[in-house]
Amino acid sequence: SAVRTRPTVPPVAGPFIRVSFKPDAKESDIRFLLISVGAIIVGGPTQLGDYYLYVQPERADWAAQKIGKSPIVDQANVMATLPPLKD
């Protein structure tokens, strides 16, 4: 049977940023954007295409605003906790 793994990041407390990228966003552009704000992906993509990002807590609001202004992003918002994972 297939083994499903999650990204190997230590468990962290929020806040997190939920972001949905535009369908034509290139992976290289997404990586550059995440690096520019110091974010790492801790979940996703979901069925709706959302990714969950972690940044240092004191930078969450700033990072969400910067990500949200990117032309490759549909929307970005800060969340206190990650949603429960579904198999």
PDB file of N, CA and C in Angstrom:
ATOM      1  N   SER A   1       0.838  -1.196   0.000  1.00  0.00           N
ATOM      2  CA  SER A   1       0.000   0.000   0.000  1.00  0.00           C
ATOM      3  C   SER A   1       0.873   1.247   0.000  1.00  0.00           C
ATOM      4  N   ALA A   2       0.363   2.310  -0.562  1.00  0.00           N
ATOM      5  CA  ALA A   2       1.122   3.554  -0.660  1.00  0.00           C
ATOM      6  C   ALA A   2       1.210   4.226   0.708  1.00  0.00           C
ATOM      7  N   VAL A   3       2.346   4.803   0.968  1.00  0.00           N
ATOM      8  CA  VAL A   3       2.528   5.536   2.216  1.00  0.00           C
ATOM      9  C   VAL A   3       2.396   7.018   1.913  1.00  0.00           C
ATOM     10  N   ARG A   4       1.530   7.682   2.655  1.00  0.00           N
ATOM     11  CA  ARG A   4       1.360   9.123   2.455  1.00  0.00           C
ATOM     12  C   ARG A   4       2.130   9.843   3.543  1.00  0.00           C
ATOM     13  N   THR A   5       2.942  10.772   3.116  1.00  0.00           N
ATOM     14  CA  THR A   5       3.718  11.509   4.102  1.00  0.00           C
ATOM     15  C   THR A   5       3.361  12.981   4.036  1.00  0.00           C
ATOM     16  N   ARG A   6       3.660  13.658   5.124  1.00  0.00           N
ATOM     17  CA  ARG A   6       3.463  15.101   5.171  1.00  0.00           C
ATOM     18  C   ARG A   6       4.836  15.735   5.149  1.00  0.00           C
ATOM     19  N   PRO A   7       4.896  17.018   4.827  1.00  0.00           N
ATOM     20  CA  PRO A   7       6.194  17.691   4.839  1.00  0.00           C
ATOM     21  C   PRO A   7       6.855  17.527   6.207  1.00  0.00           C
ATOM     22  N   THR A   8       8.154  17.328   6.194  1.00  0.00           N
ATOM     23  CA  THR A   8       8.852  17.097   7.448  1.00  0.00           C
ATOM     24  C   THR A   8       9.254  18.430   8.069  1.00  0.00           C
ATOM     25  N   VAL A   9       8.283  19.090   8.665  1.00  0.00           N
ATOM     26  CA  VAL A   9       8.547  20.317   9.392  1.00  0.00           C
ATOM     27  C   VAL A   9       8.116  20.082  10.833  1.00  0.00           C
ATOM     28  N   PRO A  10       8.803  20.690  11.761  1.00  0.00           N
ATOM     29  CA  PRO A  10       8.384  20.499  13.154  1.00  0.00           C
ATOM     30  C   PRO A  10       7.008  21.103  13.373  1.00  0.00           C
ATOM     31  N   PRO A  11       6.230  20.541  14.290  1.00  0.00           N
ATOM     32  CA  PRO A  11       4.920  21.136  14.547  1.00  0.00           C
ATOM     33  C   PRO A  11       5.107  22.558  15.059  1.00  0.00           C
ATOM     34  N   VAL A  12       4.363  23.464  14.525  1.00  0.00           N
ATOM     35  CA  VAL A  12       4.489  24.857  14.925  1.00  0.00           C
ATOM     36  C   VAL A  12       3.117  25.410  15.269  1.00  0.00           C
ATOM     37  N   ALA A  13       3.113  26.420  16.108  1.00  0.00           N
ATOM     38  CA  ALA A  13       1.876  27.112  16.428  1.00  0.00           C
ATOM     39  C   ALA A  13       1.652  28.200  15.382  1.00  0.00           C
ATOM     40  N   GLY A  14       0.403  28.630  15.246  1.00  0.00           N
ATOM     41  CA  GLY A  14       0.071  29.653  14.271  1.00  0.00           C
ATOM     42  C   GLY A  14       0.619  31.001  14.659  1.00  0.00           C
ATOM     43  N   PRO A  15       0.292  32.013  13.924  1.00  0.00           N
ATOM     44  CA  PRO A  15      -0.677  31.996  12.835  1.00  0.00           C
ATOM     45  C   PRO A  15      -0.103  31.433  11.544  1.00  0.00           C
ATOM     46  N   PHE A  16      -0.999  31.105  10.640  1.00  0.00           N
ATOM     47  CA  PHE A  16      -0.634  30.592   9.330  1.00  0.00           C
ATOM     48  C   PHE A  16      -1.268  31.487   8.279  1.00  0.00           C
ATOM     49  N   ILE A  17      -0.768  31.381   7.066  1.00  0.00           N
ATOM     50  CA  ILE A  17      -1.348  32.130   5.958  1.00  0.00           C
ATOM     51  C   ILE A  17      -1.934  31.132   4.969  1.00  0.00           C
ATOM     52  N   ARG A  18      -3.228  31.300   4.675  1.00  0.00           N
ATOM     53  CA  ARG A  18      -3.863  30.478   3.635  1.00  0.00           C
ATOM     54  C   ARG A  18      -3.782  31.279   2.351  1.00  0.00           C
ATOM     55  N   VAL A  19      -3.240  30.648   1.311  1.00  0.00           N
ATOM     56  CA  VAL A  19      -3.076  31.357   0.044  1.00  0.00           C
ATOM     57  C   VAL A  19      -3.557  30.483  -1.101  1.00  0.00           C
ATOM     58  N   SER A  20      -4.224  31.125  -2.054  1.00  0.00           N
ATOM     59  CA  SER A  20      -4.571  30.419  -3.288  1.00  0.00           C
ATOM     60  C   SER A  20      -3.901  31.169  -4.434  1.00  0.00           C
ATOM     61  N   PHE A  21      -3.179  30.406  -5.227  1.00  0.00           N
ATOM     62  CA  PHE A  21      -2.454  30.977  -6.364  1.00  0.00           C
ATOM     63  C   PHE A  21      -3.339  30.920  -7.606  1.00  0.00           C
ATOM     64  N   LYS A  22      -3.113  31.837  -8.520  1.00  0.00           N
ATOM     65  CA  LYS A  22      -3.845  31.816  -9.787  1.00  0.00           C
ATOM     66  C   LYS A  22      -3.435  30.571 -10.566  1.00  0.00           C
ATOM     67  N   PRO A  23      -4.336  30.029 -11.386  1.00  0.00           N
ATOM     68  CA  PRO A  23      -4.063  28.777 -12.098  1.00  0.00           C
ATOM     69  C   PRO A  23      -2.815  28.828 -12.983  1.00  0.00           C
ATOM     70  N   ASP A  24      -2.475  30.011 -13.499  1.00  0.00           N
ATOM     71  CA  ASP A  24      -1.325  30.097 -14.395  1.00  0.00           C
ATOM     72  C   ASP A  24      -0.026  30.473 -13.672  1.00  0.00           C
ATOM     73  N   ALA A  25      -0.039  30.476 -12.340  1.00  0.00           N
ATOM     74  CA  ALA A  25       1.170  30.812 -11.584  1.00  0.00           C
ATOM     75  C   ALA A  25       2.236  29.745 -11.817  1.00  0.00           C
ATOM     76  N   LYS A  26       3.462  30.185 -12.087  1.00  0.00           N
ATOM     77  CA  LYS A  26       4.568  29.254 -12.306  1.00  0.00           C
ATOM     78  C   LYS A  26       5.179  28.878 -10.963  1.00  0.00           C
ATOM     79  N   GLU A  27       5.633  27.628 -10.865  1.00  0.00           N
ATOM     80  CA  GLU A  27       6.241  27.161  -9.620  1.00  0.00           C
ATOM     81  C   GLU A  27       7.428  28.039  -9.223  1.00  0.00           C
ATOM     82  N   SER A  28       8.218  28.467 -10.203  1.00  0.00           N
ATOM     83  CA  SER A  28       9.387  29.299  -9.887  1.00  0.00           C
ATOM     84  C   SER A  28       8.959  30.637  -9.289  1.00  0.00           C
ATOM     85  N   ASP A  29       7.863  31.207  -9.779  1.00  0.00           N
ATOM     86  CA  ASP A  29       7.364  32.468  -9.232  1.00  0.00           C
ATOM     87  C   ASP A  29       6.827  32.276  -7.817  1.00  0.00           C
ATOM     88  N   ILE A  30       6.149  31.145  -7.592  1.00  0.00           N
ATOM     89  CA  ILE A  30       5.639  30.840  -6.254  1.00  0.00           C
ATOM     90  C   ILE A  30       6.810  30.710  -5.274  1.00  0.00           C
ATOM     91  N   ARG A  31       7.846  29.961  -5.671  1.00  0.00           N
ATOM     92  CA  ARG A  31       9.007  29.786  -4.795  1.00  0.00           C
ATOM     93  C   ARG A  31       9.666  31.120  -4.469  1.00  0.00           C
ATOM     94  N   PHE A  32       9.823  31.973  -5.474  1.00  0.00           N
ATOM     95  CA  PHE A  32      10.454  33.273  -5.260  1.00  0.00           C
ATOM     96  C   PHE A  32       9.632  34.111  -4.282  1.00  0.00           C
ATOM     97  N   LEU A  33       8.306  34.102  -4.450  1.00  0.00           N
ATOM     98  CA  LEU A  33       7.433  34.860  -3.561  1.00  0.00           C
ATOM     99  C   LEU A  33       7.564  34.362  -2.121  1.00  0.00           C
ATOM    100  N   LEU A  34       7.553  33.042  -1.935  1.00  0.00           N
ATOM    101  CA  LEU A  34       7.648  32.490  -0.586  1.00  0.00           C
ATOM    102  C   LEU A  34       8.981  32.844   0.055  1.00  0.00           C
ATOM    103  N   ILE A  35      10.070  32.729  -0.710  1.00  0.00           N
ATOM    104  CA  ILE A  35      11.385  33.075  -0.187  1.00  0.00           C
ATOM    105  C   ILE A  35      11.437  34.557   0.192  1.00  0.00           C
ATOM    106  N   SER A  36      10.805  35.402  -0.618  1.00  0.00           N
ATOM    107  CA  SER A  36      10.869  36.848  -0.382  1.00  0.00           C
ATOM    108  C   SER A  36      10.234  37.264   0.941  1.00  0.00           C
ATOM    109  N   VAL A  37       9.293  36.473   1.444  1.00  0.00           N
ATOM    110  CA  VAL A  37       8.654  36.810   2.724  1.00  0.00           C
ATOM    111  C   VAL A  37       9.061  35.846   3.840  1.00  0.00           C
ATOM    112  N   GLY A  38       9.946  34.892   3.539  1.00  0.00           N
ATOM    113  CA  GLY A  38      10.402  33.945   4.554  1.00  0.00           C
ATOM    114  C   GLY A  38       9.366  32.912   4.937  1.00  0.00           C
ATOM    115  N   ALA A  39       8.509  32.538   3.998  1.00  0.00           N
ATOM    116  CA  ALA A  39       7.443  31.578   4.285  1.00  0.00           C
ATOM    117  C   ALA A  39       7.821  30.171   3.844  1.00  0.00           C
ATOM    118  N   ILE A  40       7.315  29.186   4.574  1.00  0.00           N
ATOM    119  CA  ILE A  40       7.446  27.789   4.156  1.00  0.00           C
ATOM    120  C   ILE A  40       6.048  27.190   4.049  1.00  0.00           C
ATOM    121  N   ILE A  41       5.885  26.257   3.124  1.00  0.00           N
ATOM    122  CA  ILE A  41       4.604  25.570   2.954  1.00  0.00           C
ATOM    123  C   ILE A  41       4.496  24.489   4.017  1.00  0.00           C
ATOM    124  N   VAL A  42       3.419  24.517   4.794  1.00  0.00           N
ATOM    125  CA  VAL A  42       3.197  23.496   5.817  1.00  0.00           C
ATOM    126  C   VAL A  42       1.973  22.652   5.512  1.00  0.00           C
ATOM    127  N   GLY A  43       1.268  22.963   4.424  1.00  0.00           N
ATOM    128  CA  GLY A  43       0.110  22.163   4.040  1.00  0.00           C
ATOM    129  C   GLY A  43      -0.381  22.541   2.662  1.00  0.00           C
ATOM    130  N   GLY A  44      -1.058  21.593   2.031  1.00  0.00           N
ATOM    131  CA  GLY A  44      -1.646  21.872   0.725  1.00  0.00           C
ATOM    132  C   GLY A  44      -0.882  21.183  -0.393  1.00  0.00           C
ATOM    133  N   PRO A  45      -1.397  21.267  -1.587  1.00  0.00           N
ATOM    134  CA  PRO A  45      -2.637  21.979  -1.892  1.00  0.00           C
ATOM    135  C   PRO A  45      -3.867  21.175  -1.477  1.00  0.00           C
ATOM    136  N   THR A  46      -4.901  21.887  -1.061  1.00  0.00           N
ATOM    137  CA  THR A  46      -6.170  21.248  -0.723  1.00  0.00           C
ATOM    138  C   THR A  46      -6.948  20.993  -2.010  1.00  0.00           C
ATOM    139  N   GLN A  47      -8.112  20.396  -1.881  1.00  0.00           N
ATOM    140  CA  GLN A  47      -8.961  20.164  -3.063  1.00  0.00           C
ATOM    141  C   GLN A  47      -9.314  21.479  -3.742  1.00  0.00           C
ATOM    142  N   LEU A  48      -9.365  22.559  -2.977  1.00  0.00           N
ATOM    143  CA  LEU A  48      -9.692  23.867  -3.537  1.00  0.00           C
ATOM    144  C   LEU A  48      -8.446  24.612  -4.016  1.00  0.00           C
ATOM    145  N   GLY A  49      -7.274  23.995  -3.854  1.00  0.00           N
ATOM    146  CA  GLY A  49      -6.043  24.615  -4.324  1.00  0.00           C
ATOM    147  C   GLY A  49      -5.376  25.538  -3.322  1.00  0.00           C
ATOM    148  N   ASP A  50      -5.839  25.522  -2.076  1.00  0.00           N
ATOM    149  CA  ASP A  50      -5.236  26.371  -1.051  1.00  0.00           C
ATOM    150  C   ASP A  50      -3.955  25.745  -0.511  1.00  0.00           C
ATOM    151  N   TYR A  51      -2.989  26.613  -0.234  1.00  0.00           N
ATOM    152  CA  TYR A  51      -1.771  26.206   0.461  1.00  0.00           C
ATOM    153  C   TYR A  51      -1.754  26.904   1.808  1.00  0.00           C
ATOM    154  N   TYR A  52      -1.100  26.269   2.777  1.00  0.00           N
ATOM    155  CA  TYR A  52      -0.951  26.866   4.100  1.00  0.00           C
ATOM    156  C   TYR A  52       0.522  27.134   4.333  1.00  0.00           C
ATOM    157  N   LEU A  53       0.824  28.369   4.707  1.00  0.00           N
ATOM    158  CA  LEU A  53       2.201  28.810   4.871  1.00  0.00           C
ATOM    159  C   LEU A  53       2.459  29.168   6.323  1.00  0.00           C
ATOM    160  N   TYR A  54       3.722  29.027   6.704  1.00  0.00           N
ATOM    161  CA  TYR A  54       4.141  29.472   8.026  1.00  0.00           C
ATOM    162  C   TYR A  54       5.222  30.531   7.855  1.00  0.00           C
ATOM    163  N   VAL A  55       5.091  31.607   8.616  1.00  0.00           N
ATOM    164  CA  VAL A  55       6.130  32.622   8.732  1.00  0.00           C
ATOM    165  C   VAL A  55       6.282  32.911  10.223  1.00  0.00           C
ATOM    166  N   GLN A  56       7.336  33.607  10.578  1.00  0.00           N
ATOM    167  CA  GLN A  56       7.484  34.003  11.975  1.00  0.00           C
ATOM    168  C   GLN A  56       6.224  34.768  12.386  1.00  0.00           C
ATOM    169  N   PRO A  57       5.664  34.473  13.569  1.00  0.00           N
ATOM    170  CA  PRO A  57       4.379  35.064  13.964  1.00  0.00           C
ATOM    171  C   PRO A  57       4.329  36.586  13.864  1.00  0.00           C
ATOM    172  N   GLU A  58       5.401  37.263  14.217  1.00  0.00           N
ATOM    173  CA  GLU A  58       5.373  38.730  14.175  1.00  0.00           C
ATOM    174  C   GLU A  58       5.363  39.269  12.747  1.00  0.00           C
ATOM    175  N   ARG A  59       5.598  38.410  11.760  1.00  0.00           N
ATOM    176  CA  ARG A  59       5.611  38.835  10.361  1.00  0.00           C
ATOM    177  C   ARG A  59       4.372  38.390   9.591  1.00  0.00           C
ATOM    178  N   ALA A  60       3.437  37.710  10.244  1.00  0.00           N
ATOM    179  CA  ALA A  60       2.307  37.097   9.533  1.00  0.00           C
ATOM    180  C   ALA A  60       1.451  38.123   8.796  1.00  0.00           C
ATOM    181  N   ASP A  61       1.074  39.203   9.472  1.00  0.00           N
ATOM    182  CA  ASP A  61       0.197  40.191   8.813  1.00  0.00           C
ATOM    183  C   ASP A  61       0.919  40.849   7.636  1.00  0.00           C
ATOM    184  N   TRP A  62       2.175  41.234   7.856  1.00  0.00           N
ATOM    185  CA  TRP A  62       2.958  41.853   6.781  1.00  0.00           C
ATOM    186  C   TRP A  62       3.105  40.896   5.600  1.00  0.00           C
ATOM    187  N   ALA A  63       3.440  39.635   5.894  1.00  0.00           N
ATOM    188  CA  ALA A  63       3.653  38.652   4.824  1.00  0.00           C
ATOM    189  C   ALA A  63       2.356  38.400   4.051  1.00  0.00           C
ATOM    190  N   ALA A  64       1.237  38.296   4.759  1.00  0.00           N
ATOM    191  CA  ALA A  64      -0.047  38.053   4.090  1.00  0.00           C
ATOM    192  C   ALA A  64      -0.390  39.221   3.165  1.00  0.00           C
ATOM    193  N   GLN A  65      -0.115  40.447   3.611  1.00  0.00           N
ATOM    194  CA  GLN A  65      -0.385  41.605   2.754  1.00  0.00           C
ATOM    195  C   GLN A  65       0.501  41.580   1.518  1.00  0.00           C
ATOM    196  N   LYS A  66       1.782  41.287   1.714  1.00  0.00           N
ATOM    197  CA  LYS A  66       2.715  41.268   0.584  1.00  0.00           C
ATOM    198  C   LYS A  66       2.341  40.153  -0.405  1.00  0.00           C
ATOM    199  N   ILE A  67       2.033  38.970   0.116  1.00  0.00           N
ATOM    200  CA  ILE A  67       1.634  37.848  -0.734  1.00  0.00           C
ATOM    201  C   ILE A  67       0.349  38.192  -1.481  1.00  0.00           C
ATOM    202  N   GLY A  68      -0.618  38.784  -0.769  1.00  0.00           N
ATOM    203  CA  GLY A  68      -1.911  39.113  -1.368  1.00  0.00           C
ATOM    204  C   GLY A  68      -1.809  40.109  -2.512  1.00  0.00           C
ATOM    205  N   LYS A  69      -0.765  40.942  -2.504  1.00  0.00           N
ATOM    206  CA  LYS A  69      -0.590  41.933  -3.572  1.00  0.00           C
ATOM    207  C   LYS A  69       0.101  41.360  -4.805  1.00  0.00           C
ATOM    208  N   SER A  70       0.606  40.132  -4.702  1.00  0.00           N
ATOM    209  CA  SER A  70       1.315  39.526  -5.823  1.00  0.00           C
ATOM    210  C   SER A  70       0.347  39.232  -6.973  1.00  0.00           C
ATOM    211  N   PRO A  71       0.783  39.477  -8.219  1.00  0.00           N
ATOM    212  CA  PRO A  71      -0.092  39.194  -9.361  1.00  0.00           C
ATOM    213  C   PRO A  71      -0.361  37.706  -9.578  1.00  0.00           C
ATOM    214  N   ILE A  72       0.377  36.815  -8.912  1.00  0.00           N
ATOM    215  CA  ILE A  72       0.131  35.373  -9.090  1.00  0.00           C
ATOM    216  C   ILE A  72      -0.807  34.808  -8.027  1.00  0.00           C
ATOM    217  N   VAL A  73      -1.293  35.660  -7.121  1.00  0.00           N
ATOM    218  CA  VAL A  73      -2.117  35.204  -6.000  1.00  0.00           C
ATOM    219  C   VAL A  73      -3.565  35.649  -6.173  1.00  0.00           C
ATOM    220  N   ASP A  74      -4.497  34.709  -5.943  1.00  0.00           N
ATOM    221  CA  ASP A  74      -5.921  35.053  -5.928  1.00  0.00           C
ATOM    222  C   ASP A  74      -6.278  35.695  -4.590  1.00  0.00           C
ATOM    223  N   GLN A  75      -5.887  35.051  -3.495  1.00  0.00           N
ATOM    224  CA  GLN A  75      -6.171  35.607  -2.181  1.00  0.00           C
ATOM    225  C   GLN A  75      -5.231  35.024  -1.149  1.00  0.00           C
ATOM    226  N   ALA A  76      -5.030  35.787  -0.084  1.00  0.00           N
ATOM    227  CA  ALA A  76      -4.199  35.342   1.033  1.00  0.00           C
ATOM    228  C   ALA A  76      -4.790  35.911   2.307  1.00  0.00           C
ATOM    229  N   ASN A  77      -4.901  35.090   3.335  1.00  0.00           N
ATOM    230  CA  ASN A  77      -5.392  35.581   4.610  1.00  0.00           C
ATOM    231  C   ASN A  77      -4.745  34.824   5.763  1.00  0.00           C
ATOM    232  N   VAL A  78      -4.672  35.513   6.895  1.00  0.00           N
ATOM    233  CA  VAL A  78      -4.056  34.941   8.091  1.00  0.00           C
ATOM    234  C   VAL A  78      -5.097  34.117   8.831  1.00  0.00           C
ATOM    235  N   MET A  79      -4.664  32.940   9.305  1.00  0.00           N
ATOM    236  CA  MET A  79      -5.525  32.056  10.085  1.00  0.00           C
ATOM    237  C   MET A  79      -4.808  31.713  11.382  1.00  0.00           C
ATOM    238  N   ALA A  80      -5.556  31.553  12.466  1.00  0.00           N
ATOM    239  CA  ALA A  80      -4.946  31.234  13.756  1.00  0.00           C
ATOM    240  C   ALA A  80      -4.413  29.807  13.790  1.00  0.00           C
ATOM    241  N   THR A  81      -5.137  28.879  13.168  1.00  0.00           N
ATOM    242  CA  THR A  81      -4.752  27.470  13.231  1.00  0.00           C
ATOM    243  C   THR A  81      -4.941  26.832  11.854  1.00  0.00           C
ATOM    244  N   LEU A  82      -4.310  25.687  11.680  1.00  0.00           N
ATOM    245  CA  LEU A  82      -4.513  24.923  10.451  1.00  0.00           C
ATOM    246  C   LEU A  82      -5.817  24.156  10.534  1.00  0.00           C
ATOM    247  N   PRO A  83      -6.498  23.969   9.403  1.00  0.00           N
ATOM    248  CA  PRO A  83      -7.714  23.155   9.421  1.00  0.00           C
ATOM    249  C   PRO A  83      -7.332  21.680   9.640  1.00  0.00           C
ATOM    250  N   PRO A  84      -8.260  20.874  10.144  1.00  0.00           N
ATOM    251  CA  PRO A  84      -7.947  19.456  10.297  1.00  0.00           C
ATOM    252  C   PRO A  84      -7.664  18.813   8.944  1.00  0.00           C
ATOM    253  N   LEU A  85      -6.721  17.882   8.937  1.00  0.00           N
ATOM    254  CA  LEU A  85      -6.368  17.211   7.688  1.00  0.00           C
ATOM    255  C   LEU A  85      -7.365  16.116   7.372  1.00  0.00           C
ATOM    256  N   LYS A  86      -7.691  15.995   6.090  1.00  0.00           N
ATOM    257  CA  LYS A  86      -8.585  14.935   5.634  1.00  0.00           C
ATOM    258  C   LYS A  86      -7.788  13.966   4.779  1.00  0.00           C
ATOM    259  N   ASP A  87      -8.011  12.690   4.972  1.00  0.00           N
ATOM    260  CA  ASP A  87      -7.331  11.678   4.151  1.00  0.00           C
ATOM    261  C   ASP A  87      -8.076  11.458   2.851  1.00  0.00           C
TER     262      ASP A  87
END
